[in-house]
């Protein structure tokens, strides 16, 4: 079974900009917004709302 299109796009984006994403300038909040949240959404998980 192939990965959903959005997950393939996330992987492609990461691979194309790996140096930026693995640098110390890229922080946890950016990671969450750009990769983790979209990944879980694609998998059907409900959004996490922190209070």
Protein backbone atom coordinates (compact mmCIF):
# COMPACT_ATOMS: atom_id res chain seq x y z
CA UNK A 1 0.00 0.00 0.00
CA UNK A 2 1.40 3.38 -1.02
CA UNK A 3 1.59 6.32 1.35
CA UNK A 4 -1.08 9.00 0.95
CA UNK A 5 -0.15 11.86 -1.39
CA UNK A 6 0.28 14.37 1.46
CA UNK A 7 2.78 12.10 3.23
CA UNK A 8 4.73 11.61 0.00
CA UNK A 9 4.76 15.40 -0.42
CA UNK A 10 6.03 15.88 3.15
CA UNK A 11 8.86 13.42 2.47
CA UNK A 12 9.76 15.12 -0.80
CA UNK A 13 9.77 18.54 0.84
CA UNK A 14 11.99 17.32 3.67
CA UNK A 15 14.42 15.65 1.30
CA UNK A 16 14.66 18.77 -0.89
CA UNK A 17 15.46 21.02 2.08
CA UNK A 18 17.16 18.59 4.44
CA UNK A 19 19.99 20.98 5.42
CA UNK A 20 17.49 23.59 6.60
CA UNK A 21 15.31 21.12 8.50
CA UNK A 22 18.27 19.57 10.30
CA UNK A 23 19.90 22.87 11.22
CA UNK A 24 19.71 24.43 14.66
CA UNK A 25 17.75 27.34 13.15
CA UNK A 26 14.74 25.08 12.52
CA UNK A 27 12.78 24.73 15.74
CA UNK A 28 10.28 22.32 17.25
CA UNK A 29 7.27 24.56 16.63
CA UNK A 30 8.06 24.79 12.93
CA UNK A 31 8.54 21.03 12.77
CA UNK A 32 5.17 20.45 14.38
CA UNK A 33 3.31 22.85 12.09
CA UNK A 34 5.00 21.83 8.85
CA UNK A 35 5.35 18.07 9.28
CA UNK A 36 3.91 16.42 12.39
CA UNK A 37 0.42 17.99 12.35
CA UNK A 38 -0.12 17.34 8.61
CA UNK A 39 1.15 13.78 9.04
CA UNK A 40 -1.31 12.97 11.82
CA UNK A 41 -4.14 14.69 9.93
CA UNK A 42 -3.41 12.51 6.89
CA UNK A 43 -3.59 9.46 9.13
CA UNK A 44 -7.02 10.53 10.37
CA UNK A 45 -6.02 11.57 13.89
CA UNK A 46 -8.00 14.41 15.43
CA UNK A 47 -6.19 17.74 15.83
CA UNK A 48 -4.45 18.36 19.14
CA UNK A 49 -5.48 21.58 20.84
CA UNK A 50 -3.22 22.59 23.70
CA UNK A 51 -4.62 24.85 26.37
